[in-house]
Amino acid sequence: MLALAFGTTPRSAGAPSAVNHAFAIVGLLVSLAGQALRVAVIGLEYITRGGQNREIWAKHLVEGGIFAHCRNPLYVGNVLIYGGLAIVHGGWAMYLVGMPFMVLAYMAVVRAEEEHLRSRFGDAYVRYCARVPRWIPSLAGLRTTLRGARMDWRRVVRKEYGTPFAWMSGMLVLLCIEHPTADPISAPELQVVVTAWIVLALLYCVARWMKLTGRLGQD
């Protein structure tokens, strides 16, 4: 994705500034939607990420929170975040190579995880798959889920502070490089971008300090 972002031509090659600004707003909203989904997943009922000894691993079957409406909500959130970045860049390589690669990669990961979960949890997992969609979240009962669960904001910050810093930093860089050559980024715009990144970096450092000092609780 980095190679495509910085090694291919963005949409700005021939697009007017108004079009670039509109796509930037749309891309930001899409990425924010993905981030909001990740926050809801982690805050309501967290699932252990990663494996053990380079193998897929699950301590127990998580069926509550957002997992009651989508089997892979974190991956859906990731695809939305990368999709928003692709919209900001706007180059055809991002659409035709980057996003298909991202989707196929997650499809492969999900297939391997489903095989493991089916063998580990048997009929319980089969019943879970029968009532919860793999990708597109079901909105049925979502209001009840949100009302009945407690949002753990300390866990959200503890687990997620690096993700928004990473993609928002990337988006700020993309906003600079996708400016048309005939209409380079102005000094006030660059100042806004730099100021925004400094704020993001400060928030990241504060969150990391709070995590390392135990102020955000423990897993």
C-alpha atoms as a PDB file:
ATOM      1  CA  MET A   1       0.000   0.000   0.000  1.00  0.00           C
ATOM      2  CA  LEU A   2       2.877   2.388   0.758  1.00  0.00           C
ATOM      3  CA  ALA A   3       4.526   1.547  -2.555  1.00  0.00           C
ATOM      4  CA  LEU A   4       1.274   2.267  -4.400  1.00  0.00           C
ATOM      5  CA  ALA A   5       0.639   5.483  -2.462  1.00  0.00           C
ATOM      6  CA  PHE A   6       4.052   7.001  -3.063  1.00  0.00           C
ATOM      7  CA  GLY A   7       5.112   5.220  -6.238  1.00  0.00           C
ATOM      8  CA  THR A   8       2.051   5.750  -8.435  1.00  0.00           C
ATOM      9  CA  THR A   9       0.320   8.822  -9.825  1.00  0.00           C
ATOM     10  CA  PRO A  10      -2.517  10.187  -7.683  1.00  0.00           C
ATOM     11  CA  ARG A  11      -5.803  11.427  -9.099  1.00  0.00           C
ATOM     12  CA  SER A  12      -4.535  15.012  -8.860  1.00  0.00           C
ATOM     13  CA  ALA A  13      -2.622  14.637 -12.136  1.00  0.00           C
ATOM     14  CA  GLY A  14      -5.479  16.286 -14.008  1.00  0.00           C
ATOM     15  CA  ALA A  15      -8.204  17.020 -11.490  1.00  0.00           C
ATOM     16  CA  PRO A  16      -9.129  20.520 -10.278  1.00  0.00           C
ATOM     17  CA  SER A  17      -8.626  21.440  -6.627  1.00  0.00           C
ATOM     18  CA  ALA A  18     -12.368  21.399  -5.883  1.00  0.00           C
ATOM     19  CA  VAL A  19     -12.578  17.762  -6.963  1.00  0.00           C
ATOM     20  CA  ASN A  20      -9.534  16.833  -4.890  1.00  0.00           C
ATOM     21  CA  HIS A  21     -10.999  18.533  -1.837  1.00  0.00           C
ATOM     22  CA  ALA A  22     -14.323  16.722  -2.272  1.00  0.00           C
ATOM     23  CA  PHE A  23     -12.612  13.347  -2.565  1.00  0.00           C
ATOM     24  CA  ALA A  24     -10.462  14.173   0.468  1.00  0.00           C
ATOM     25  CA  ILE A  25     -13.585  14.826   2.553  1.00  0.00           C
ATOM     26  CA  VAL A  26     -15.252  11.615   1.352  1.00  0.00           C
ATOM     27  CA  GLY A  27     -12.088   9.601   2.021  1.00  0.00           C
ATOM     28  CA  LEU A  28     -11.766  11.042   5.526  1.00  0.00           C
ATOM     29  CA  LEU A  29     -15.388  10.187   6.325  1.00  0.00           C
ATOM     30  CA  VAL A  30     -14.953   6.600   5.084  1.00  0.00           C
ATOM     31  CA  SER A  31     -11.821   6.124   7.178  1.00  0.00           C
ATOM     32  CA  LEU A  32     -13.512   7.666  10.223  1.00  0.00           C
ATOM     33  CA  ALA A  33     -16.388   5.208   9.780  1.00  0.00           C
ATOM     34  CA  GLY A  34     -13.882   2.351   9.842  1.00  0.00           C
ATOM     35  CA  GLN A  35     -12.219   3.772  12.937  1.00  0.00           C
ATOM     36  CA  ALA A  36     -15.577   4.219  14.677  1.00  0.00           C
ATOM     37  CA  LEU A  37     -16.387   0.572  13.969  1.00  0.00           C
ATOM     38  CA  ARG A  38     -13.068  -0.540  15.458  1.00  0.00           C
ATOM     39  CA  VAL A  39     -13.680   1.595  18.552  1.00  0.00           C
ATOM     40  CA  ALA A  40     -17.117   0.033  19.045  1.00  0.00           C
ATOM     41  CA  VAL A  41     -15.702  -3.480  18.649  1.00  0.00           C
ATOM     42  CA  ILE A  42     -12.846  -2.984  21.103  1.00  0.00           C
ATOM     43  CA  GLY A  43     -14.850  -0.975  23.610  1.00  0.00           C
ATOM     44  CA  LEU A  44     -17.852  -3.292  23.873  1.00  0.00           C
ATOM     45  CA  GLU A  45     -16.366  -6.797  23.842  1.00  0.00           C
ATOM     46  CA  TYR A  46     -12.752  -7.233  22.892  1.00  0.00           C
ATOM     47  CA  ILE A  47     -11.371 -10.210  21.028  1.00  0.00           C
ATOM     48  CA  THR A  48      -7.763 -11.237  21.458  1.00  0.00           C
ATOM     49  CA  ARG A  49      -5.834 -10.281  18.340  1.00  0.00           C
ATOM     50  CA  GLY A  50      -2.973 -12.286  16.922  1.00  0.00           C
ATOM     51  CA  GLY A  51      -2.093 -15.909  17.516  1.00  0.00           C
ATOM     52  CA  GLN A  52       0.314 -18.005  19.508  1.00  0.00           C
ATOM     53  CA  ASN A  53       3.564 -19.440  18.189  1.00  0.00           C
ATOM     54  CA  ARG A  54       2.685 -18.284  14.652  1.00  0.00           C
ATOM     55  CA  GLU A  55      -0.552 -20.266  14.761  1.00  0.00           C
ATOM     56  CA  ILE A  56      -4.190 -19.148  14.820  1.00  0.00           C
ATOM     57  CA  TRP A  57      -5.456 -19.238  18.384  1.00  0.00           C
ATOM     58  CA  ALA A  58      -8.671 -18.395  20.252  1.00  0.00           C
ATOM     59  CA  LYS A  59      -9.292 -18.663  23.984  1.00  0.00           C
ATOM     60  CA  HIS A  60     -13.074 -18.655  23.656  1.00  0.00           C
ATOM     61  CA  LEU A  61     -15.800 -17.900  21.143  1.00  0.00           C
ATOM     62  CA  VAL A  62     -16.756 -14.215  21.302  1.00  0.00           C
ATOM     63  CA  GLU A  63     -20.397 -13.665  20.368  1.00  0.00           C
ATOM     64  CA  GLY A  64     -21.304 -10.409  22.141  1.00  0.00           C
ATOM     65  CA  GLY A  65     -20.920  -6.747  21.328  1.00  0.00           C
ATOM     66  CA  ILE A  66     -20.405  -5.984  17.644  1.00  0.00           C
ATOM     67  CA  PHE A  67     -19.529  -9.660  17.107  1.00  0.00           C
ATOM     68  CA  ALA A  68     -23.244 -10.338  17.499  1.00  0.00           C
ATOM     69  CA  HIS A  69     -23.776  -8.405  14.250  1.00  0.00           C
ATOM     70  CA  CYS A  70     -20.661  -9.227  12.189  1.00  0.00           C
ATOM     71  CA  ARG A  71     -18.138 -12.051  12.445  1.00  0.00           C
ATOM     72  CA  ASN A  72     -15.175  -9.935  11.310  1.00  0.00           C
ATOM     73  CA  PRO A  73     -15.888  -6.329  12.306  1.00  0.00           C
ATOM     74  CA  LEU A  74     -12.247  -5.394  12.915  1.00  0.00           C
ATOM     75  CA  TYR A  75     -11.325  -6.473   9.397  1.00  0.00           C
ATOM     76  CA  VAL A  76     -14.295  -4.556   7.979  1.00  0.00           C
ATOM     77  CA  GLY A  77     -13.073  -1.491   9.875  1.00  0.00           C
ATOM     78  CA  ASN A  78      -9.576  -1.945   8.452  1.00  0.00           C
ATOM     79  CA  VAL A  79     -10.890  -2.194   4.896  1.00  0.00           C
ATOM     80  CA  LEU A  80     -12.892   1.008   5.403  1.00  0.00           C
ATOM     81  CA  ILE A  81      -9.833   2.827   6.749  1.00  0.00           C
ATOM     82  CA  TYR A  82      -7.686   1.736   3.808  1.00  0.00           C
ATOM     83  CA  GLY A  83     -10.559   2.480   1.452  1.00  0.00           C
ATOM     84  CA  GLY A  84     -10.692   6.047   2.727  1.00  0.00           C
ATOM     85  CA  LEU A  85      -6.958   6.435   2.173  1.00  0.00           C
ATOM     86  CA  ALA A  86      -7.348   5.043  -1.343  1.00  0.00           C
ATOM     87  CA  ILE A  87     -10.082   7.601  -2.072  1.00  0.00           C
ATOM     88  CA  VAL A  88      -7.852  10.453  -0.890  1.00  0.00           C
ATOM     89  CA  HIS A  89      -5.036   9.232  -3.143  1.00  0.00           C
ATOM     90  CA  GLY A  90      -7.438   8.470  -5.965  1.00  0.00           C
ATOM     91  CA  GLY A  91      -4.963   6.796  -8.296  1.00  0.00           C
ATOM     92  CA  TRP A  92      -6.217   3.887 -10.369  1.00  0.00           C
ATOM     93  CA  ALA A  93      -3.477   1.632  -9.001  1.00  0.00           C
ATOM     94  CA  MET A  94      -4.939   2.038  -5.522  1.00  0.00           C
ATOM     95  CA  TYR A  95      -8.375   0.987  -6.787  1.00  0.00           C
ATOM     96  CA  LEU A  96      -7.314  -1.791  -9.153  1.00  0.00           C
ATOM     97  CA  VAL A  97      -4.364  -3.242  -7.210  1.00  0.00           C
ATOM     98  CA  GLY A  98      -4.280  -1.999  -3.631  1.00  0.00           C
ATOM     99  CA  MET A  99      -7.868  -2.523  -2.518  1.00  0.00           C
ATOM    100  CA  PRO A 100      -8.361  -5.906  -4.279  1.00  0.00           C
ATOM    101  CA  PHE A 101      -5.120  -7.099  -2.657  1.00  0.00           C
ATOM    102  CA  MET A 102      -6.368  -5.938   0.750  1.00  0.00           C
ATOM    103  CA  VAL A 103      -9.731  -7.666   0.346  1.00  0.00           C
ATOM    104  CA  LEU A 104      -8.206 -10.921  -0.935  1.00  0.00           C
ATOM    105  CA  ALA A 105      -5.705 -10.949   1.931  1.00  0.00           C
ATOM    106  CA  TYR A 106      -8.473 -10.644   4.506  1.00  0.00           C
ATOM    107  CA  MET A 107     -10.557 -13.279   2.722  1.00  0.00           C
ATOM    108  CA  ALA A 108      -7.617 -15.679   3.051  1.00  0.00           C
ATOM    109  CA  VAL A 109      -7.123 -14.820   6.715  1.00  0.00           C
ATOM    110  CA  VAL A 110     -10.828 -15.259   7.479  1.00  0.00           C
ATOM    111  CA  ARG A 111     -10.949 -18.636   5.739  1.00  0.00           C
ATOM    112  CA  ALA A 112      -8.038 -19.918   7.833  1.00  0.00           C
ATOM    113  CA  GLU A 113      -9.556 -18.532  11.033  1.00  0.00           C
ATOM    114  CA  GLU A 114     -12.949 -20.050  10.296  1.00  0.00           C
ATOM    115  CA  GLU A 115     -11.427 -23.483   9.794  1.00  0.00           C
ATOM    116  CA  HIS A 116      -9.678 -23.192  13.154  1.00  0.00           C
ATOM    117  CA  LEU A 117     -12.763 -21.924  14.994  1.00  0.00           C
ATOM    118  CA  ARG A 118     -14.973 -24.609  13.468  1.00  0.00           C
ATOM    119  CA  SER A 119     -12.597 -27.351  14.573  1.00  0.00           C
ATOM    120  CA  ARG A 120     -12.178 -25.834  18.055  1.00  0.00           C
ATOM    121  CA  PHE A 121     -15.750 -24.873  18.930  1.00  0.00           C
ATOM    122  CA  GLY A 122     -17.738 -27.245  16.701  1.00  0.00           C
ATOM    123  CA  ASP A 123     -21.513 -26.840  16.605  1.00  0.00           C
ATOM    124  CA  ALA A 124     -21.428 -23.644  18.687  1.00  0.00           C
ATOM    125  CA  TYR A 125     -19.427 -21.935  15.973  1.00  0.00           C
ATOM    126  CA  VAL A 126     -21.598 -23.383  13.202  1.00  0.00           C
ATOM    127  CA  ARG A 127     -24.703 -21.947  14.916  1.00  0.00           C
ATOM    128  CA  TYR A 128     -22.924 -18.612  15.346  1.00  0.00           C
ATOM    129  CA  CYS A 129     -22.083 -18.497  11.628  1.00  0.00           C
ATOM    130  CA  ALA A 130     -25.686 -19.327  10.743  1.00  0.00           C
ATOM    131  CA  ARG A 131     -27.069 -16.270  12.515  1.00  0.00           C
ATOM    132  CA  VAL A 132     -24.258 -13.690  12.080  1.00  0.00           C
ATOM    133  CA  PRO A 133     -23.039 -12.470   8.654  1.00  0.00           C
ATOM    134  CA  ARG A 134     -19.387 -12.798   7.748  1.00  0.00           C
ATOM    135  CA  TRP A 135     -18.799  -9.294   6.333  1.00  0.00           C
ATOM    136  CA  ILE A 136     -21.765  -6.916   6.093  1.00  0.00           C
ATOM    137  CA  PRO A 137     -22.848  -6.001   9.650  1.00  0.00           C
ATOM    138  CA  SER A 138     -26.468  -6.696  10.517  1.00  0.00           C
ATOM    139  CA  LEU A 139     -28.248  -3.711  12.070  1.00  0.00           C
ATOM    140  CA  ALA A 140     -30.993  -5.847  13.607  1.00  0.00           C
ATOM    141  CA  GLY A 141     -30.849  -5.446  17.365  1.00  0.00           C
ATOM    142  CA  LEU A 142     -27.871  -3.074  17.229  1.00  0.00           C
ATOM    143  CA  ARG A 143     -29.597  -0.465  19.398  1.00  0.00           C
ATOM    144  CA  THR A 144     -30.246  -3.102  22.047  1.00  0.00           C
ATOM    145  CA  THR A 145     -26.613  -4.193  21.907  1.00  0.00           C
ATOM    146  CA  LEU A 146     -25.343  -0.653  22.364  1.00  0.00           C
ATOM    147  CA  ARG A 147     -27.737   0.049  25.223  1.00  0.00           C
ATOM    148  CA  GLY A 148     -27.023  -3.178  27.063  1.00  0.00           C
ATOM    149  CA  ALA A 149     -23.227  -3.069  26.912  1.00  0.00           C
ATOM    150  CA  ARG A 150     -20.725  -0.906  28.769  1.00  0.00           C
ATOM    151  CA  MET A 151     -18.171   0.928  26.662  1.00  0.00           C
ATOM    152  CA  ASP A 152     -14.686   0.436  28.095  1.00  0.00           C
ATOM    153  CA  TRP A 153     -12.985   3.643  26.955  1.00  0.00           C
ATOM    154  CA  ARG A 154      -9.760   2.899  28.811  1.00  0.00           C
ATOM    155  CA  ARG A 155      -9.455  -0.357  26.873  1.00  0.00           C
ATOM    156  CA  VAL A 156     -10.162   1.513  23.634  1.00  0.00           C
ATOM    157  CA  VAL A 157      -7.292   3.926  24.262  1.00  0.00           C
ATOM    158  CA  ARG A 158      -5.011   1.181  25.588  1.00  0.00           C
ATOM    159  CA  LYS A 159      -5.515  -1.074  22.583  1.00  0.00           C
ATOM    160  CA  GLU A 160      -6.211   1.352  19.768  1.00  0.00           C
ATOM    161  CA  TYR A 161      -4.149   4.520  20.206  1.00  0.00           C
ATOM    162  CA  GLY A 162      -1.614   3.503  17.562  1.00  0.00           C
ATOM    163  CA  THR A 163      -4.119   2.793  14.784  1.00  0.00           C
ATOM    164  CA  PRO A 164      -5.639   6.294  14.394  1.00  0.00           C
ATOM    165  CA  PHE A 165      -2.195   7.871  14.697  1.00  0.00           C
ATOM    166  CA  ALA A 166      -0.879   5.685  11.872  1.00  0.00           C
ATOM    167  CA  TRP A 167      -3.682   6.162   9.340  1.00  0.00           C
ATOM    168  CA  MET A 168      -4.273   9.826  10.127  1.00  0.00           C
ATOM    169  CA  SER A 169      -0.555  10.522   9.689  1.00  0.00           C
ATOM    170  CA  GLY A 170      -0.688   8.720   6.351  1.00  0.00           C
ATOM    171  CA  MET A 171      -3.735  10.712   5.302  1.00  0.00           C
ATOM    172  CA  LEU A 172      -2.015  14.021   6.132  1.00  0.00           C
ATOM    173  CA  VAL A 173       0.926  13.005   3.945  1.00  0.00           C
ATOM    174  CA  LEU A 174      -1.437  11.995   1.129  1.00  0.00           C
ATOM    175  CA  LEU A 175      -3.213  15.353   1.351  1.00  0.00           C
ATOM    176  CA  CYS A 176       0.135  17.003   0.643  1.00  0.00           C
ATOM    177  CA  ILE A 177       1.366  14.797  -2.192  1.00  0.00           C
ATOM    178  CA  GLU A 178      -1.958  14.591  -4.029  1.00  0.00           C
ATOM    179  CA  HIS A 179      -2.082  18.343  -4.635  1.00  0.00           C
ATOM    180  CA  PRO A 180      -1.972  19.161  -8.371  1.00  0.00           C
ATOM    181  CA  THR A 181       1.441  20.236  -9.616  1.00  0.00           C
ATOM    182  CA  ALA A 182      -0.098  23.384 -11.059  1.00  0.00           C
ATOM    183  CA  ASP A 183      -1.663  24.213  -7.686  1.00  0.00           C
ATOM    184  CA  PRO A 184       0.847  23.186  -4.982  1.00  0.00           C
ATOM    185  CA  ILE A 185      -0.100  23.162  -1.330  1.00  0.00           C
ATOM    186  CA  SER A 186      -0.100  26.666   0.121  1.00  0.00           C
ATOM    187  CA  ALA A 187       1.793  27.778   3.218  1.00  0.00           C
ATOM    188  CA  PRO A 188      -1.400  28.100   5.347  1.00  0.00           C
ATOM    189  CA  GLU A 189      -2.563  24.629   4.261  1.00  0.00           C
ATOM    190  CA  LEU A 190       0.849  23.163   5.065  1.00  0.00           C
ATOM    191  CA  GLN A 191       0.753  24.848   8.460  1.00  0.00           C
ATOM    192  CA  VAL A 192      -2.617  23.230   9.184  1.00  0.00           C
ATOM    193  CA  VAL A 193      -1.262  19.808   8.176  1.00  0.00           C
ATOM    194  CA  VAL A 194       1.859  20.179  10.337  1.00  0.00           C
ATOM    195  CA  THR A 195      -0.153  21.442  13.310  1.00  0.00           C
ATOM    196  CA  ALA A 196      -2.612  18.559  12.987  1.00  0.00           C
ATOM    197  CA  TRP A 197       0.241  16.038  12.951  1.00  0.00           C
ATOM    198  CA  ILE A 198       1.859  17.602  16.038  1.00  0.00           C
ATOM    199  CA  VAL A 199      -1.457  17.303  17.895  1.00  0.00           C
ATOM    200  CA  LEU A 200      -1.752  13.661  16.793  1.00  0.00           C
ATOM    201  CA  ALA A 201       1.814  12.946  17.928  1.00  0.00           C
ATOM    202  CA  LEU A 202       1.198  14.534  21.323  1.00  0.00           C
ATOM    203  CA  LEU A 203      -1.991  12.517  21.818  1.00  0.00           C
ATOM    204  CA  TYR A 204      -0.129   9.355  20.811  1.00  0.00           C
ATOM    205  CA  CYS A 205       2.672  10.051  23.312  1.00  0.00           C
ATOM    206  CA  VAL A 206       0.202  10.787  26.119  1.00  0.00           C
ATOM    207  CA  ALA A 207      -1.757   7.605  25.413  1.00  0.00           C
ATOM    208  CA  ARG A 208       1.412   5.518  25.299  1.00  0.00           C
ATOM    209  CA  TRP A 209       2.673   7.037  28.556  1.00  0.00           C
ATOM    210  CA  MET A 210      -0.661   6.334  30.237  1.00  0.00           C
ATOM    211  CA  LYS A 211      -0.580   2.741  28.997  1.00  0.00           C
ATOM    212  CA  LEU A 212       2.991   2.079  30.112  1.00  0.00           C
ATOM    213  CA  THR A 213       2.338   3.577  33.555  1.00  0.00           C
ATOM    214  CA  GLY A 214      -0.805   1.495  34.078  1.00  0.00           C
ATOM    215  CA  ARG A 215      -3.196   4.444  34.100  1.00  0.00           C
ATOM    216  CA  LEU A 216      -5.351   2.765  31.437  1.00  0.00           C
ATOM    217  CA  GLY A 217      -5.783  -0.501  33.313  1.00  0.00           C
ATOM    218  CA  GLN A 218      -4.561  -3.953  32.364  1.00  0.00           C
ATOM    219  CA  ASP A 219      -5.710  -6.674  29.969  1.00  0.00           C
END
